[in-house]
Amino acid sequence: MPYIKEGKRLAMDQVVRAMFDAGVEENGDLNYILYKFAKYHVEAGYGNYKNFLGELNEAAEEIRRRLLVPYEDEKITENGDI
């Protein structure tokens, strides 16, 4: 996960807050934003696009690990394992 230095977090958190305030949703809006970011701000080239996709994949894995797994574990405890 991109654990960034403390000094940079405030600026990044402001971007996240601005996205929330703008009504960005996960149903297409986020996809649009990430595509446009890649198109206009990731330097063209296979390696750069590959690295950008790697960042997206790692973010997805961190969401899975820190948000979904605890929920799944809770449900296993509640309902029993399969």
N, C-alpha and C. Protein backbone atom coordinates (compact mmCIF):
# COMPACT_ATOMS: atom_id res chain seq x y z
N MET A 1 0.85 -1.18 0.00
CA MET A 1 0.00 0.00 0.00
C MET A 1 0.89 1.23 0.00
N PRO A 2 0.44 2.26 -0.64
CA PRO A 2 1.26 3.48 -0.71
C PRO A 2 1.21 4.28 0.59
N TYR A 3 1.95 3.81 1.57
CA TYR A 3 2.03 4.55 2.82
C TYR A 3 2.95 5.74 2.58
N ILE A 4 2.36 6.89 2.37
CA ILE A 4 3.13 8.08 2.01
C ILE A 4 3.58 8.79 3.28
N LYS A 5 4.59 9.60 3.13
CA LYS A 5 5.13 10.35 4.27
C LYS A 5 4.07 11.29 4.83
N GLU A 6 4.15 11.49 6.13
CA GLU A 6 3.17 12.30 6.86
C GLU A 6 2.99 13.68 6.24
N GLY A 7 4.08 14.30 5.81
CA GLY A 7 4.02 15.65 5.26
C GLY A 7 3.21 15.76 3.97
N LYS A 8 3.05 14.67 3.26
CA LYS A 8 2.32 14.69 1.99
C LYS A 8 0.84 14.32 2.17
N ARG A 9 0.52 13.73 3.31
CA ARG A 9 -0.85 13.22 3.53
C ARG A 9 -1.90 14.32 3.51
N LEU A 10 -1.60 15.47 4.08
CA LEU A 10 -2.59 16.55 4.13
C LEU A 10 -3.03 16.95 2.73
N ALA A 11 -2.07 17.12 1.83
CA ALA A 11 -2.41 17.49 0.45
C ALA A 11 -3.22 16.40 -0.23
N MET A 12 -2.85 15.14 -0.02
CA MET A 12 -3.58 14.03 -0.64
C MET A 12 -4.98 13.90 -0.04
N ASP A 13 -5.08 14.11 1.26
CA ASP A 13 -6.39 14.05 1.91
C ASP A 13 -7.32 15.16 1.39
N GLN A 14 -6.75 16.30 1.05
CA GLN A 14 -7.55 17.38 0.47
C GLN A 14 -8.10 16.98 -0.89
N VAL A 15 -7.32 16.24 -1.67
CA VAL A 15 -7.78 15.74 -2.97
C VAL A 15 -8.93 14.77 -2.76
N VAL A 16 -8.77 13.86 -1.80
CA VAL A 16 -9.82 12.89 -1.50
C VAL A 16 -11.09 13.60 -1.05
N ARG A 17 -10.94 14.60 -0.20
CA ARG A 17 -12.11 15.36 0.28
C ARG A 17 -12.78 16.09 -0.88
N ALA A 18 -11.99 16.68 -1.78
CA ALA A 18 -12.56 17.37 -2.94
C ALA A 18 -13.33 16.40 -3.83
N MET A 19 -12.82 15.18 -3.97
CA MET A 19 -13.53 14.17 -4.76
C MET A 19 -14.86 13.83 -4.09
N PHE A 20 -14.84 13.67 -2.78
CA PHE A 20 -16.07 13.38 -2.04
C PHE A 20 -17.06 14.53 -2.19
N ASP A 21 -16.58 15.75 -2.00
CA ASP A 21 -17.44 16.93 -2.10
C ASP A 21 -18.02 17.10 -3.50
N ALA A 22 -17.28 16.64 -4.51
CA ALA A 22 -17.75 16.72 -5.90
C ALA A 22 -18.75 15.61 -6.23
N GLY A 23 -18.96 14.70 -5.29
CA GLY A 23 -19.92 13.62 -5.52
C GLY A 23 -19.37 12.45 -6.30
N VAL A 24 -18.05 12.28 -6.30
CA VAL A 24 -17.44 11.16 -7.01
C VAL A 24 -17.93 9.85 -6.39
N GLU A 25 -18.44 8.98 -7.24
CA GLU A 25 -18.93 7.68 -6.80
C GLU A 25 -18.12 6.58 -7.47
N GLU A 26 -18.26 5.38 -6.93
CA GLU A 26 -17.52 4.24 -7.48
C GLU A 26 -18.19 3.66 -8.72
N ASN A 27 -19.35 4.12 -9.07
CA ASN A 27 -20.10 3.58 -10.21
C ASN A 27 -19.80 4.33 -11.50
N GLY A 28 -18.55 4.35 -11.88
CA GLY A 28 -18.17 4.97 -13.15
C GLY A 28 -17.37 6.25 -12.98
N ASP A 29 -17.70 7.04 -11.97
CA ASP A 29 -16.99 8.31 -11.78
C ASP A 29 -15.51 8.08 -11.50
N LEU A 30 -15.23 7.17 -10.60
CA LEU A 30 -13.84 6.90 -10.24
C LEU A 30 -13.07 6.33 -11.42
N ASN A 31 -13.71 5.46 -12.17
CA ASN A 31 -13.10 4.90 -13.38
C ASN A 31 -12.73 6.03 -14.34
N TYR A 32 -13.65 6.96 -14.55
CA TYR A 32 -13.43 8.09 -15.44
C TYR A 32 -12.24 8.93 -14.96
N ILE A 33 -12.21 9.23 -13.68
CA ILE A 33 -11.14 10.06 -13.12
C ILE A 33 -9.78 9.38 -13.28
N LEU A 34 -9.72 8.09 -12.96
CA LEU A 34 -8.45 7.38 -13.04
C LEU A 34 -7.97 7.25 -14.49
N TYR A 35 -8.92 7.01 -15.40
CA TYR A 35 -8.56 6.94 -16.82
C TYR A 35 -8.01 8.29 -17.29
N LYS A 36 -8.73 9.36 -16.96
CA LYS A 36 -8.29 10.69 -17.40
C LYS A 36 -6.94 11.05 -16.79
N PHE A 37 -6.73 10.67 -15.55
CA PHE A 37 -5.44 10.93 -14.91
C PHE A 37 -4.33 10.22 -15.68
N ALA A 38 -4.56 8.94 -15.98
CA ALA A 38 -3.56 8.17 -16.72
C ALA A 38 -3.33 8.79 -18.09
N LYS A 39 -4.40 9.15 -18.76
CA LYS A 39 -4.29 9.68 -20.12
C LYS A 39 -3.49 10.98 -20.16
N TYR A 40 -3.70 11.86 -19.19
CA TYR A 40 -3.10 13.19 -19.25
C TYR A 40 -1.89 13.39 -18.33
N HIS A 41 -1.70 12.51 -17.34
CA HIS A 41 -0.63 12.77 -16.39
C HIS A 41 0.39 11.66 -16.25
N VAL A 42 0.10 10.48 -16.77
CA VAL A 42 1.10 9.41 -16.76
C VAL A 42 1.86 9.52 -18.07
N GLU A 43 3.17 9.64 -17.97
CA GLU A 43 3.98 9.79 -19.17
C GLU A 43 3.79 8.56 -20.06
N ALA A 44 3.50 8.81 -21.32
CA ALA A 44 3.22 7.71 -22.25
C ALA A 44 4.39 6.74 -22.30
N GLY A 45 4.05 5.49 -22.33
CA GLY A 45 5.05 4.43 -22.41
C GLY A 45 4.56 3.20 -21.69
N TYR A 46 4.92 2.05 -22.22
CA TYR A 46 4.46 0.78 -21.67
C TYR A 46 4.78 0.67 -20.18
N GLY A 47 6.01 0.94 -19.82
CA GLY A 47 6.42 0.80 -18.43
C GLY A 47 5.66 1.71 -17.49
N ASN A 48 5.42 2.93 -17.92
CA ASN A 48 4.69 3.88 -17.07
C ASN A 48 3.24 3.46 -16.88
N TYR A 49 2.61 3.02 -17.96
CA TYR A 49 1.21 2.55 -17.83
C TYR A 49 1.16 1.28 -16.99
N LYS A 50 2.15 0.41 -17.17
CA LYS A 50 2.22 -0.82 -16.37
C LYS A 50 2.36 -0.48 -14.90
N ASN A 51 3.20 0.49 -14.56
CA ASN A 51 3.37 0.90 -13.17
C ASN A 51 2.10 1.51 -12.61
N PHE A 52 1.39 2.30 -13.41
CA PHE A 52 0.13 2.89 -12.98
C PHE A 52 -0.89 1.80 -12.67
N LEU A 53 -0.97 0.80 -13.56
CA LEU A 53 -1.88 -0.32 -13.32
C LEU A 53 -1.47 -1.10 -12.07
N GLY A 54 -0.19 -1.22 -11.84
CA GLY A 54 0.29 -1.87 -10.63
C GLY A 54 -0.17 -1.13 -9.39
N GLU A 55 -0.13 0.19 -9.42
CA GLU A 55 -0.61 1.00 -8.30
C GLU A 55 -2.11 0.76 -8.07
N LEU A 56 -2.87 0.71 -9.15
CA LEU A 56 -4.31 0.45 -9.02
C LEU A 56 -4.56 -0.93 -8.42
N ASN A 57 -3.82 -1.93 -8.90
CA ASN A 57 -3.98 -3.29 -8.37
C ASN A 57 -3.61 -3.36 -6.90
N GLU A 58 -2.55 -2.70 -6.51
CA GLU A 58 -2.14 -2.71 -5.10
C GLU A 58 -3.18 -2.01 -4.22
N ALA A 59 -3.78 -0.93 -4.72
CA ALA A 59 -4.85 -0.26 -3.96
C ALA A 59 -6.02 -1.22 -3.78
N ALA A 60 -6.36 -1.95 -4.83
CA ALA A 60 -7.46 -2.92 -4.74
C ALA A 60 -7.13 -4.00 -3.72
N GLU A 61 -5.90 -4.47 -3.70
CA GLU A 61 -5.51 -5.50 -2.74
C GLU A 61 -5.54 -4.97 -1.30
N GLU A 62 -5.17 -3.72 -1.12
CA GLU A 62 -5.21 -3.13 0.22
C GLU A 62 -6.65 -2.97 0.70
N ILE A 63 -7.54 -2.60 -0.20
CA ILE A 63 -8.97 -2.52 0.15
C ILE A 63 -9.46 -3.90 0.55
N ARG A 64 -9.08 -4.90 -0.22
CA ARG A 64 -9.48 -6.28 0.10
C ARG A 64 -8.95 -6.67 1.48
N ARG A 65 -7.66 -6.46 1.71
CA ARG A 65 -7.00 -6.90 2.94
C ARG A 65 -7.53 -6.18 4.17
N ARG A 66 -7.71 -4.86 4.07
CA ARG A 66 -8.03 -4.08 5.27
C ARG A 66 -9.52 -3.84 5.48
N LEU A 67 -10.31 -3.91 4.42
CA LEU A 67 -11.74 -3.64 4.55
C LEU A 67 -12.62 -4.86 4.36
N LEU A 68 -12.32 -5.69 3.37
CA LEU A 68 -13.18 -6.85 3.08
C LEU A 68 -12.87 -8.06 3.95
N VAL A 69 -11.60 -8.35 4.18
CA VAL A 69 -11.25 -9.53 4.96
C VAL A 69 -11.82 -9.48 6.38
N PRO A 70 -11.72 -8.35 7.10
CA PRO A 70 -12.33 -8.32 8.43
C PRO A 70 -13.84 -8.58 8.38
N TYR A 71 -14.51 -8.06 7.37
CA TYR A 71 -15.95 -8.30 7.22
C TYR A 71 -16.22 -9.79 6.99
N GLU A 72 -15.43 -10.41 6.11
CA GLU A 72 -15.59 -11.84 5.84
C GLU A 72 -15.33 -12.65 7.11
N ASP A 73 -14.29 -12.30 7.84
CA ASP A 73 -13.98 -13.02 9.08
C ASP A 73 -15.11 -12.89 10.09
N GLU A 74 -15.71 -11.71 10.17
CA GLU A 74 -16.84 -11.50 11.07
C GLU A 74 -18.02 -12.40 10.69
N LYS A 75 -18.29 -12.51 9.40
CA LYS A 75 -19.39 -13.34 8.93
C LYS A 75 -19.11 -14.83 9.17
N ILE A 76 -17.85 -15.22 9.05
CA ILE A 76 -17.51 -16.62 9.35
C ILE A 76 -17.79 -16.90 10.81
N THR A 77 -17.41 -15.97 11.69
CA THR A 77 -17.66 -16.13 13.12
C THR A 77 -19.16 -16.19 13.40
N GLU A 78 -19.93 -15.31 12.76
CA GLU A 78 -21.39 -15.26 12.96
C GLU A 78 -22.09 -16.50 12.43
N ASN A 79 -21.72 -16.94 11.24
CA ASN A 79 -22.49 -17.96 10.53
C ASN A 79 -21.80 -19.32 10.42
N GLY A 80 -20.56 -19.39 10.83
CA GLY A 80 -19.81 -20.61 10.68
C GLY A 80 -19.13 -20.68 9.31
N ASP A 81 -18.04 -21.42 9.30
CA ASP A 81 -17.26 -21.57 8.07
C ASP A 81 -17.94 -22.57 7.14
N ILE A 82 -17.53 -22.60 5.90
CA ILE A 82 -18.10 -23.55 4.95
C ILE A 82 -17.37 -24.87 4.99
